[in-house]
Amino acid sequence: MARLKKKNLRRKDGVWDPLADSAQDKHRAAVVPQTPQSAHPAYRLAYVDDDFLCREELRPVRLQLELLKVEMMLAERGIKSTVVMFGGARIPAPGQEAWAARNETQRLNLEAASVYYDEARKFARKCSEKSAELGFKEYVVVTGGGPGVMEAGNRGAADVGAPSIGLNIVLPHEQAPNPYVTPELSFNFHYFAIRKMHFLLRAKAVTVFPGGFGTLDELFETVTLMQTGRMALVPLILFGKEFWRRIIDFDALAAFGTIAPGDVELMQFVETADEAWDIIVKFYEKLEAEQAAAALA
């Protein structure tokens, strides 16, 4: 009579568990004799049946899995807060060719914008140096995991030996994670909505560098959550005032009345990594002082 012999009867969380686990049964199911019955897809365990999991009816389950996987892995790593870095994938590193340019004007603009690659890299280093002081549990850099400004963010963290997160997404054109993302913190998504949630779930600050539709989407998602009170106010910092003021007339929105005049103040504009980090430091120094005063009141 076969008997279950588990090497460890306690789970990772310390709970006593004498039952066979799913990993054991996955292995057992894979080595059963091949018959017409066992070879049929119907016989597969549901949780290892890719065709079943990709059925339209399983969409709610897939949404939950994408939310759970990243949340569990970040929690196991002990990451408590992040600094988000949004920005264009097409901005090259200084001295590199603007691979995305379709004409001479675009080439000149994108290569001039390489200054933001440099500032993003410097900013990520500053965040990561602070993160190192806190055991890499706070102020962990998170990017979209791709090239351009995203690469600069992960690269800046790697410059000082710090971990950083990359939240990639499957796109029609190939997009592999940039080589500076910490491998065990490199995630991939099917659902944009779940990816957006993970960007903001631990966000202690959000920085936005010049970019295209994706960057604009992420900026407006963030500022809308703050404007509507669905997200606490955290530093929302836009690099490149001239770029943003030219691309979006925030004051015109306020003048027209479709946003409140004070909504423009949800965003702060900077040019350098030093300016951005100074805003974050002062914001949390003030917040901590207010919390301490409230505790004594």
C-alpha atoms as a PDB file:
ATOM      1  CA  MET A   1       0.000   0.000   0.000  1.00  0.00           C
ATOM      2  CA  ALA A   2       1.496   3.295  -1.102  1.00  0.00           C
ATOM      3  CA  ARG A   3       1.815   5.791   1.680  1.00  0.00           C
ATOM      4  CA  LEU A   4       2.325   9.525   1.516  1.00  0.00           C
ATOM      5  CA  LYS A   5       5.750  10.560   2.744  1.00  0.00           C
ATOM      6  CA  LYS A   6       6.096  14.313   2.763  1.00  0.00           C
ATOM      7  CA  LYS A   7       9.557  15.653   3.496  1.00  0.00           C
ATOM      8  CA  ASN A   8       8.113  18.551   5.418  1.00  0.00           C
ATOM      9  CA  LEU A   9       4.695  18.463   7.027  1.00  0.00           C
ATOM     10  CA  ARG A  10       4.703  22.204   7.652  1.00  0.00           C
ATOM     11  CA  ARG A  11       3.994  24.755   4.962  1.00  0.00           C
ATOM     12  CA  LYS A  12       6.132  27.847   4.492  1.00  0.00           C
ATOM     13  CA  ASP A  13       3.810  29.778   6.789  1.00  0.00           C
ATOM     14  CA  GLY A  14       4.324  27.201   9.536  1.00  0.00           C
ATOM     15  CA  VAL A  15       0.906  25.575   9.275  1.00  0.00           C
ATOM     16  CA  TRP A  16       0.815  21.796   9.773  1.00  0.00           C
ATOM     17  CA  ASP A  17      -0.389  20.148   6.562  1.00  0.00           C
ATOM     18  CA  PRO A  18      -0.493  16.327   6.259  1.00  0.00           C
ATOM     19  CA  LEU A  19      -2.265  16.280   2.865  1.00  0.00           C
ATOM     20  CA  ALA A  20      -0.612  15.715  -0.494  1.00  0.00           C
ATOM     21  CA  ASP A  21       0.126  19.023  -2.190  1.00  0.00           C
ATOM     22  CA  SER A  22      -0.657  20.038  -5.753  1.00  0.00           C
ATOM     23  CA  ALA A  23       2.979  19.845  -6.870  1.00  0.00           C
ATOM     24  CA  GLN A  24       3.147  16.184  -5.843  1.00  0.00           C
ATOM     25  CA  ASP A  25      -0.055  15.358  -7.689  1.00  0.00           C
ATOM     26  CA  LYS A  26       1.127  17.251 -10.755  1.00  0.00           C
ATOM     27  CA  HIS A  27       4.159  14.951 -10.856  1.00  0.00           C
ATOM     28  CA  ARG A  28       2.112  11.825 -10.228  1.00  0.00           C
ATOM     29  CA  ALA A  29      -0.356  12.691 -12.981  1.00  0.00           C
ATOM     30  CA  ALA A  30       2.483  13.216 -15.448  1.00  0.00           C
ATOM     31  CA  VAL A  31       3.838   9.670 -15.019  1.00  0.00           C
ATOM     32  CA  VAL A  32       0.647   7.614 -15.194  1.00  0.00           C
ATOM     33  CA  PRO A  33       0.525   4.932 -17.923  1.00  0.00           C
ATOM     34  CA  GLN A  34      -0.560   6.347 -21.294  1.00  0.00           C
ATOM     35  CA  THR A  35      -3.968   5.071 -22.297  1.00  0.00           C
ATOM     36  CA  PRO A  36      -6.708   6.606 -24.446  1.00  0.00           C
ATOM     37  CA  GLN A  37      -8.291   7.853 -21.225  1.00  0.00           C
ATOM     38  CA  SER A  38      -5.195   9.355 -19.567  1.00  0.00           C
ATOM     39  CA  ALA A  39      -3.978  10.894 -22.841  1.00  0.00           C
ATOM     40  CA  HIS A  40      -7.190  12.807 -23.424  1.00  0.00           C
ATOM     41  CA  PRO A  41      -7.261  16.525 -22.415  1.00  0.00           C
ATOM     42  CA  ALA A  42     -10.257  15.835 -20.198  1.00  0.00           C
ATOM     43  CA  TYR A  43      -8.000  13.846 -17.860  1.00  0.00           C
ATOM     44  CA  ARG A  44      -5.557  16.702 -17.253  1.00  0.00           C
ATOM     45  CA  LEU A  45      -5.546  18.300 -13.826  1.00  0.00           C
ATOM     46  CA  ALA A  46      -7.419  21.568 -14.243  1.00  0.00           C
ATOM     47  CA  TYR A  47      -4.613  23.732 -12.843  1.00  0.00           C
ATOM     48  CA  VAL A  48      -2.008  22.413 -15.310  1.00  0.00           C
ATOM     49  CA  ASP A  49      -4.306  22.425 -18.333  1.00  0.00           C
ATOM     50  CA  ASP A  50      -3.235  25.466 -20.362  1.00  0.00           C
ATOM     51  CA  ASP A  51      -6.010  25.065 -22.905  1.00  0.00           C
ATOM     52  CA  PHE A  52      -8.598  25.021 -20.134  1.00  0.00           C
ATOM     53  CA  LEU A  53      -7.097  28.016 -18.318  1.00  0.00           C
ATOM     54  CA  CYS A  54      -7.111  30.044 -21.544  1.00  0.00           C
ATOM     55  CA  ARG A  55     -10.821  29.519 -22.201  1.00  0.00           C
ATOM     56  CA  GLU A  56     -12.931  32.663 -22.377  1.00  0.00           C
ATOM     57  CA  GLU A  57     -14.951  31.577 -19.341  1.00  0.00           C
ATOM     58  CA  LEU A  58     -11.778  31.494 -17.224  1.00  0.00           C
ATOM     59  CA  ARG A  59     -10.981  35.196 -17.699  1.00  0.00           C
ATOM     60  CA  PRO A  60     -11.950  36.070 -14.077  1.00  0.00           C
ATOM     61  CA  VAL A  61      -9.555  33.393 -12.848  1.00  0.00           C
ATOM     62  CA  ARG A  62      -6.732  34.667 -15.060  1.00  0.00           C
ATOM     63  CA  LEU A  63      -7.276  38.213 -13.813  1.00  0.00           C
ATOM     64  CA  GLN A  64      -7.023  36.955 -10.244  1.00  0.00           C
ATOM     65  CA  LEU A  65      -3.884  34.940 -11.005  1.00  0.00           C
ATOM     66  CA  GLU A  66      -2.109  37.963 -12.497  1.00  0.00           C
ATOM     67  CA  LEU A  67      -2.984  39.993  -9.421  1.00  0.00           C
ATOM     68  CA  LEU A  68      -1.985  37.252  -6.989  1.00  0.00           C
ATOM     69  CA  LYS A  69       1.288  36.098  -8.522  1.00  0.00           C
ATOM     70  CA  VAL A  70       3.064  39.448  -8.397  1.00  0.00           C
ATOM     71  CA  GLU A  71       1.543  40.412  -5.044  1.00  0.00           C
ATOM     72  CA  MET A  72       2.686  37.167  -3.438  1.00  0.00           C
ATOM     73  CA  MET A  73       6.216  37.369  -4.854  1.00  0.00           C
ATOM     74  CA  LEU A  74       6.696  40.999  -3.789  1.00  0.00           C
ATOM     75  CA  ALA A  75       5.337  40.203  -0.320  1.00  0.00           C
ATOM     76  CA  GLU A  76       7.652  37.207   0.018  1.00  0.00           C
ATOM     77  CA  ARG A  77      10.548  39.491  -0.929  1.00  0.00           C
ATOM     78  CA  GLY A  78       9.458  41.922   1.797  1.00  0.00           C
ATOM     79  CA  ILE A  79       9.018  44.894  -0.557  1.00  0.00           C
ATOM     80  CA  LYS A  80       6.857  47.468   1.210  1.00  0.00           C
ATOM     81  CA  SER A  81       7.060  50.521  -1.048  1.00  0.00           C
ATOM     82  CA  THR A  82       8.178  51.464  -4.530  1.00  0.00           C
ATOM     83  CA  VAL A  83       9.056  54.483  -6.645  1.00  0.00           C
ATOM     84  CA  VAL A  84       7.384  54.279 -10.037  1.00  0.00           C
ATOM     85  CA  MET A  85       9.159  55.441 -13.183  1.00  0.00           C
ATOM     86  CA  PHE A  86       7.015  55.906 -16.285  1.00  0.00           C
ATOM     87  CA  GLY A  87       8.471  57.113 -19.569  1.00  0.00           C
ATOM     88  CA  GLY A  88       9.023  56.555 -23.253  1.00  0.00           C
ATOM     89  CA  ALA A  89      10.457  53.324 -24.634  1.00  0.00           C
ATOM     90  CA  ARG A  90      11.846  55.185 -27.651  1.00  0.00           C
ATOM     91  CA  ILE A  91      14.226  57.530 -25.835  1.00  0.00           C
ATOM     92  CA  PRO A  92      17.801  56.323 -26.440  1.00  0.00           C
ATOM     93  CA  ALA A  93      20.745  56.362 -24.079  1.00  0.00           C
ATOM     94  CA  PRO A  94      23.168  59.244 -24.675  1.00  0.00           C
ATOM     95  CA  GLY A  95      25.310  58.559 -27.724  1.00  0.00           C
ATOM     96  CA  GLN A  96      23.019  55.856 -29.061  1.00  0.00           C
ATOM     97  CA  GLU A  97      21.001  56.022 -32.260  1.00  0.00           C
ATOM     98  CA  ALA A  98      17.299  56.842 -32.061  1.00  0.00           C
ATOM     99  CA  TRP A  99      16.171  53.444 -33.344  1.00  0.00           C
ATOM    100  CA  ALA A 100      12.473  54.416 -33.333  1.00  0.00           C
ATOM    101  CA  ALA A 101      12.835  57.585 -35.430  1.00  0.00           C
ATOM    102  CA  ARG A 102      10.874  57.584 -38.690  1.00  0.00           C
ATOM    103  CA  ASN A 103      12.272  60.859 -40.037  1.00  0.00           C
ATOM    104  CA  GLU A 104      15.001  63.387 -39.363  1.00  0.00           C
ATOM    105  CA  THR A 105      12.864  65.538 -37.068  1.00  0.00           C
ATOM    106  CA  GLN A 106      12.045  62.569 -34.882  1.00  0.00           C
ATOM    107  CA  ARG A 107      15.691  61.521 -34.822  1.00  0.00           C
ATOM    108  CA  LEU A 108      16.832  64.941 -33.623  1.00  0.00           C
ATOM    109  CA  ASN A 109      14.076  65.166 -30.990  1.00  0.00           C
ATOM    110  CA  LEU A 110      14.626  61.664 -29.605  1.00  0.00           C
ATOM    111  CA  GLU A 111      18.403  61.980 -29.471  1.00  0.00           C
ATOM    112  CA  ALA A 112      18.071  65.332 -27.689  1.00  0.00           C
ATOM    113  CA  ALA A 113      15.711  63.634 -25.245  1.00  0.00           C
ATOM    114  CA  SER A 114      18.506  61.256 -24.213  1.00  0.00           C
ATOM    115  CA  VAL A 115      19.113  63.755 -21.402  1.00  0.00           C
ATOM    116  CA  TYR A 116      16.061  62.201 -19.742  1.00  0.00           C
ATOM    117  CA  TYR A 117      17.645  58.760 -19.973  1.00  0.00           C
ATOM    118  CA  ASP A 118      20.554  60.164 -17.975  1.00  0.00           C
ATOM    119  CA  GLU A 119      18.312  61.847 -15.414  1.00  0.00           C
ATOM    120  CA  ALA A 120      16.176  58.723 -15.046  1.00  0.00           C
ATOM    121  CA  ARG A 121      19.276  56.661 -14.379  1.00  0.00           C
ATOM    122  CA  LYS A 122      20.550  59.185 -11.819  1.00  0.00           C
ATOM    123  CA  PHE A 123      17.163  59.360 -10.140  1.00  0.00           C
ATOM    124  CA  ALA A 124      16.938  55.572  -9.874  1.00  0.00           C
ATOM    125  CA  ARG A 125      20.378  55.524  -8.265  1.00  0.00           C
ATOM    126  CA  LYS A 126      19.230  58.023  -5.637  1.00  0.00           C
ATOM    127  CA  CYS A 127      16.120  55.974  -4.867  1.00  0.00           C
ATOM    128  CA  SER A 128      18.151  52.787  -4.687  1.00  0.00           C
ATOM    129  CA  GLU A 129      20.779  54.261  -2.380  1.00  0.00           C
ATOM    130  CA  LYS A 130      17.974  55.130   0.032  1.00  0.00           C
ATOM    131  CA  SER A 131      16.467  51.693  -0.494  1.00  0.00           C
ATOM    132  CA  ALA A 132      19.797  50.104   0.465  1.00  0.00           C
ATOM    133  CA  GLU A 133      19.694  51.921   3.814  1.00  0.00           C
ATOM    134  CA  LEU A 134      16.289  50.318   4.424  1.00  0.00           C
ATOM    135  CA  GLY A 135      17.231  46.779   3.479  1.00  0.00           C
ATOM    136  CA  PHE A 136      15.801  47.090  -0.050  1.00  0.00           C
ATOM    137  CA  LYS A 137      12.298  46.989   1.428  1.00  0.00           C
ATOM    138  CA  GLU A 138      11.332  50.607   0.683  1.00  0.00           C
ATOM    139  CA  TYR A 139      11.767  52.930  -2.317  1.00  0.00           C
ATOM    140  CA  VAL A 140      12.340  50.013  -4.692  1.00  0.00           C
ATOM    141  CA  VAL A 141      12.398  51.209  -8.307  1.00  0.00           C
ATOM    142  CA  VAL A 142       9.661  49.825 -10.562  1.00  0.00           C
ATOM    143  CA  THR A 143       9.430  50.374 -14.323  1.00  0.00           C
ATOM    144  CA  GLY A 144       7.556  48.887 -17.248  1.00  0.00           C
ATOM    145  CA  GLY A 145      10.550  46.647 -17.830  1.00  0.00           C
ATOM    146  CA  GLY A 146      11.185  47.699 -21.420  1.00  0.00           C
ATOM    147  CA  PRO A 147      13.741  49.921 -23.193  1.00  0.00           C
ATOM    148  CA  GLY A 148      14.260  53.680 -23.082  1.00  0.00           C
ATOM    149  CA  VAL A 149      13.419  55.438 -19.826  1.00  0.00           C
ATOM    150  CA  MET A 150      12.367  52.108 -18.339  1.00  0.00           C
ATOM    151  CA  GLU A 151      15.795  50.647 -19.023  1.00  0.00           C
ATOM    152  CA  ALA A 152      17.414  53.726 -17.510  1.00  0.00           C
ATOM    153  CA  GLY A 153      15.460  53.234 -14.283  1.00  0.00           C
ATOM    154  CA  ASN A 154      16.413  49.592 -13.869  1.00  0.00           C
ATOM    155  CA  ARG A 155      19.956  50.388 -14.915  1.00  0.00           C
ATOM    156  CA  GLY A 156      20.313  53.093 -12.281  1.00  0.00           C
ATOM    157  CA  ALA A 157      19.291  50.609  -9.596  1.00  0.00           C
ATOM    158  CA  ALA A 158      21.747  48.040 -10.939  1.00  0.00           C
ATOM    159  CA  ASP A 159      24.515  50.679 -10.846  1.00  0.00           C
ATOM    160  CA  VAL A 160      24.422  50.559  -7.040  1.00  0.00           C
ATOM    161  CA  GLY A 161      23.690  46.851  -6.692  1.00  0.00           C
ATOM    162  CA  ALA A 162      20.015  47.332  -5.841  1.00  0.00           C
ATOM    163  CA  PRO A 163      17.106  45.169  -6.968  1.00  0.00           C
ATOM    164  CA  SER A 164      14.455  46.685  -9.218  1.00  0.00           C
ATOM    165  CA  ILE A 165      11.135  45.557 -10.598  1.00  0.00           C
ATOM    166  CA  GLY A 166      10.040  45.280 -14.227  1.00  0.00           C
ATOM    167  CA  LEU A 167       6.365  44.962 -15.167  1.00  0.00           C
ATOM    168  CA  ASN A 168       6.363  43.928 -18.813  1.00  0.00           C
ATOM    169  CA  ILE A 169       3.298  43.254 -20.932  1.00  0.00           C
ATOM    170  CA  VAL A 170       2.761  41.048 -23.961  1.00  0.00           C
ATOM    171  CA  LEU A 171       2.559  43.227 -27.085  1.00  0.00           C
ATOM    172  CA  PRO A 172       2.115  42.449 -30.795  1.00  0.00           C
ATOM    173  CA  HIS A 173       5.729  43.439 -31.384  1.00  0.00           C
ATOM    174  CA  GLU A 174       8.422  41.645 -29.403  1.00  0.00           C
ATOM    175  CA  GLN A 175       9.404  43.286 -26.130  1.00  0.00           C
ATOM    176  CA  ALA A 176      11.827  41.397 -23.946  1.00  0.00           C
ATOM    177  CA  PRO A 177      12.674  42.673 -20.456  1.00  0.00           C
ATOM    178  CA  ASN A 178      15.648  44.998 -20.426  1.00  0.00           C
ATOM    179  CA  PRO A 179      18.802  43.324 -19.035  1.00  0.00           C
ATOM    180  CA  TYR A 180      18.897  45.438 -15.863  1.00  0.00           C
ATOM    181  CA  VAL A 181      15.653  44.185 -14.304  1.00  0.00           C
ATOM    182  CA  THR A 182      16.258  41.869 -11.334  1.00  0.00           C
ATOM    183  CA  PRO A 183      15.390  38.432 -12.801  1.00  0.00           C
ATOM    184  CA  GLU A 184      13.269  37.285  -9.874  1.00  0.00           C
ATOM    185  CA  LEU A 185      11.368  40.603 -10.014  1.00  0.00           C
ATOM    186  CA  SER A 186      10.748  40.504 -13.765  1.00  0.00           C
ATOM    187  CA  PHE A 187       7.042  39.958 -14.405  1.00  0.00           C
ATOM    188  CA  ASN A 188       4.910  39.669 -17.522  1.00  0.00           C
ATOM    189  CA  PHE A 189       1.243  40.552 -17.966  1.00  0.00           C
ATOM    190  CA  HIS A 190      -1.616  39.949 -20.364  1.00  0.00           C
ATOM    191  CA  TYR A 191      -4.009  42.421 -18.699  1.00  0.00           C
ATOM    192  CA  PHE A 192      -3.146  46.122 -18.785  1.00  0.00           C
ATOM    193  CA  ALA A 193      -5.548  46.781 -15.913  1.00  0.00           C
ATOM    194  CA  ILE A 194      -3.803  44.394 -13.513  1.00  0.00           C
ATOM    195  CA  ARG A 195      -0.397  45.725 -14.533  1.00  0.00           C
ATOM    196  CA  LYS A 196      -1.581  49.262 -13.745  1.00  0.00           C
ATOM    197  CA  MET A 197      -2.756  48.153 -10.316  1.00  0.00           C
ATOM    198  CA  HIS A 198       0.657  46.712  -9.515  1.00  0.00           C
ATOM    199  CA  PHE A 199       2.368  49.941 -10.546  1.00  0.00           C
ATOM    200  CA  LEU A 200       0.429  51.867  -7.912  1.00  0.00           C
ATOM    201  CA  LEU A 201      -0.276  49.370  -5.118  1.00  0.00           C
ATOM    202  CA  ARG A 202       3.012  50.189  -3.334  1.00  0.00           C
ATOM    203  CA  ALA A 203       3.800  53.564  -4.915  1.00  0.00           C
ATOM    204  CA  LYS A 204       5.464  56.043  -2.566  1.00  0.00           C
ATOM    205  CA  ALA A 205       6.148  58.393  -5.480  1.00  0.00           C
ATOM    206  CA  VAL A 206       5.389  58.421  -9.199  1.00  0.00           C
ATOM    207  CA  THR A 207       7.710  59.982 -11.754  1.00  0.00           C
ATOM    208  CA  VAL A 208       6.778  60.535 -15.384  1.00  0.00           C
ATOM    209  CA  PHE A 209       9.320  61.208 -18.107  1.00  0.00           C
ATOM    210  CA  PRO A 210       8.513  62.243 -21.685  1.00  0.00           C
ATOM    211  CA  GLY A 211       6.770  59.456 -23.566  1.00  0.00           C
ATOM    212  CA  GLY A 212       3.965  58.480 -25.892  1.00  0.00           C
ATOM    213  CA  PHE A 213       0.444  57.128 -25.564  1.00  0.00           C
ATOM    214  CA  GLY A 214       1.394  54.549 -22.942  1.00  0.00           C
ATOM    215  CA  THR A 215       3.086  57.140 -20.757  1.00  0.00           C
ATOM    216  CA  LEU A 216       0.150  59.536 -21.146  1.00  0.00           C
ATOM    217  CA  ASP A 217      -2.236  56.754 -20.187  1.00  0.00           C
ATOM    218  CA  GLU A 218      -0.248  56.003 -17.033  1.00  0.00           C
ATOM    219  CA  LEU A 219       0.002  59.690 -16.116  1.00  0.00           C
ATOM    220  CA  PHE A 220      -3.738  60.329 -16.479  1.00  0.00           C
ATOM    221  CA  GLU A 221      -4.626  57.108 -14.674  1.00  0.00           C
ATOM    222  CA  THR A 222      -2.509  58.189 -11.704  1.00  0.00           C
ATOM    223  CA  VAL A 223      -3.632  61.808 -11.531  1.00  0.00           C
ATOM    224  CA  THR A 224      -7.287  60.777 -11.911  1.00  0.00           C
ATOM    225  CA  LEU A 225      -7.015  58.410  -8.953  1.00  0.00           C
ATOM    226  CA  MET A 226      -5.540  61.223  -6.866  1.00  0.00           C
ATOM    227  CA  GLN A 227      -8.050  63.822  -8.103  1.00  0.00           C
ATOM    228  CA  THR A 228     -11.001  61.586  -7.242  1.00  0.00           C
ATOM    229  CA  GLY A 229      -9.640  60.578  -3.848  1.00  0.00           C
ATOM    230  CA  ARG A 230      -9.238  56.948  -4.796  1.00  0.00           C
ATOM    231  CA  MET A 231      -5.500  57.158  -4.132  1.00  0.00           C
ATOM    232  CA  ALA A 232      -3.621  59.001  -1.424  1.00  0.00           C
ATOM    233  CA  LEU A 233      -1.646  62.028  -2.527  1.00  0.00           C
ATOM    234  CA  VAL A 234       1.960  61.049  -3.185  1.00  0.00           C
ATOM    235  CA  PRO A 235       4.578  63.026  -5.100  1.00  0.00           C
ATOM    236  CA  LEU A 236       3.638  62.979  -8.793  1.00  0.00           C
ATOM    237  CA  ILE A 237       6.648  64.398 -10.577  1.00  0.00           C
ATOM    238  CA  LEU A 238       6.900  65.189 -14.289  1.00  0.00           C
ATOM    239  CA  PHE A 239      10.365  65.522 -15.816  1.00  0.00           C
ATOM    240  CA  GLY A 240      10.658  68.138 -18.555  1.00  0.00           C
ATOM    241  CA  LYS A 241       8.307  71.075 -17.967  1.00  0.00           C
ATOM    242  CA  GLU A 242       8.662  72.395 -21.505  1.00  0.00           C
ATOM    243  CA  PHE A 243       7.713  69.017 -22.985  1.00  0.00           C
ATOM    244  CA  TRP A 244       4.652  68.556 -20.802  1.00  0.00           C
ATOM    245  CA  ARG A 245       3.397  72.122 -21.097  1.00  0.00           C
ATOM    246  CA  ARG A 246       3.672  71.872 -24.869  1.00  0.00           C
ATOM    247  CA  ILE A 247       2.013  68.451 -25.135  1.00  0.00           C
ATOM    248  CA  ILE A 248      -0.819  69.085 -22.647  1.00  0.00           C
ATOM    249  CA  ASP A 249      -2.317  72.459 -21.770  1.00  0.00           C
ATOM    250  CA  PHE A 250      -3.248  71.730 -18.166  1.00  0.00           C
ATOM    251  CA  ASP A 251      -4.103  75.378 -17.506  1.00  0.00           C
ATOM    252  CA  ALA A 252      -6.547  75.365 -20.424  1.00  0.00           C
ATOM    253  CA  LEU A 253      -8.398  72.436 -18.819  1.00  0.00           C
ATOM    254  CA  ALA A 254      -8.654  74.405 -15.585  1.00  0.00           C
ATOM    255  CA  ALA A 255      -9.718  77.589 -17.381  1.00  0.00           C
ATOM    256  CA  PHE A 256     -12.414  75.736 -19.289  1.00  0.00           C
ATOM    257  CA  GLY A 257     -13.700  74.290 -16.027  1.00  0.00           C
ATOM    258  CA  THR A 258     -13.339  70.592 -16.767  1.00  0.00           C
ATOM    259  CA  ILE A 259     -10.877  70.305 -13.869  1.00  0.00           C
ATOM    260  CA  ALA A 260     -10.545  72.397 -10.723  1.00  0.00           C
ATOM    261  CA  PRO A 261      -7.805  75.054 -10.701  1.00  0.00           C
ATOM    262  CA  GLY A 262      -6.085  73.233  -7.856  1.00  0.00           C
ATOM    263  CA  ASP A 263      -5.938  69.957  -9.787  1.00  0.00           C
ATOM    264  CA  VAL A 264      -2.948  71.234 -11.752  1.00  0.00           C
ATOM    265  CA  GLU A 265      -1.054  71.375  -8.460  1.00  0.00           C
ATOM    266  CA  LEU A 266      -1.319  67.598  -8.106  1.00  0.00           C
ATOM    267  CA  MET A 267       1.696  67.493 -10.444  1.00  0.00           C
ATOM    268  CA  GLN A 268       5.126  69.018  -9.977  1.00  0.00           C
ATOM    269  CA  PHE A 269       7.595  69.712 -12.764  1.00  0.00           C
ATOM    270  CA  VAL A 270      11.343  69.176 -12.562  1.00  0.00           C
ATOM    271  CA  GLU A 271      14.334  68.950 -14.851  1.00  0.00           C
ATOM    272  CA  THR A 272      16.813  66.956 -12.782  1.00  0.00           C
ATOM    273  CA  ALA A 273      17.050  63.897 -10.575  1.00  0.00           C
ATOM    274  CA  ASP A 274      18.221  66.063  -7.673  1.00  0.00           C
ATOM    275  CA  GLU A 275      15.073  68.212  -7.861  1.00  0.00           C
ATOM    276  CA  ALA A 276      12.825  65.163  -7.960  1.00  0.00           C
ATOM    277  CA  TRP A 277      14.484  63.430  -5.030  1.00  0.00           C
ATOM    278  CA  ASP A 278      14.384  66.643  -3.004  1.00  0.00           C
ATOM    279  CA  ILE A 279      10.605  66.830  -3.509  1.00  0.00           C
ATOM    280  CA  ILE A 280      10.184  63.260  -2.248  1.00  0.00           C
ATOM    281  CA  VAL A 281      12.409  63.782   0.795  1.00  0.00           C
ATOM    282  CA  LYS A 282      10.641  66.995   1.830  1.00  0.00           C
ATOM    283  CA  PHE A 283       7.196  65.442   1.261  1.00  0.00           C
ATOM    284  CA  TYR A 284       7.857  62.539   3.615  1.00  0.00           C
ATOM    285  CA  GLU A 285       9.691  64.635   6.190  1.00  0.00           C
ATOM    286  CA  LYS A 286       6.598  66.849   6.379  1.00  0.00           C
ATOM    287  CA  LEU A 287       4.234  63.861   6.457  1.00  0.00           C
ATOM    288  CA  GLU A 288       6.168  62.170   9.259  1.00  0.00           C
ATOM    289  CA  ALA A 289       6.197  65.394  11.262  1.00  0.00           C
ATOM    290  CA  GLU A 290       2.436  65.786  10.837  1.00  0.00           C
ATOM    291  CA  GLN A 291       1.827  62.174  11.853  1.00  0.00           C
ATOM    292  CA  ALA A 292       4.038  62.558  14.917  1.00  0.00           C
ATOM    293  CA  ALA A 293       2.199  65.724  15.948  1.00  0.00           C
ATOM    294  CA  ALA A 294      -1.164  64.025  15.448  1.00  0.00           C
ATOM    295  CA  ALA A 295      -0.066  61.100  17.628  1.00  0.00           C
ATOM    296  CA  LEU A 296       0.795  63.481  20.467  1.00  0.00           C
ATOM    297  CA  ALA A 297      -2.424  65.478  20.170  1.00  0.00           C
END
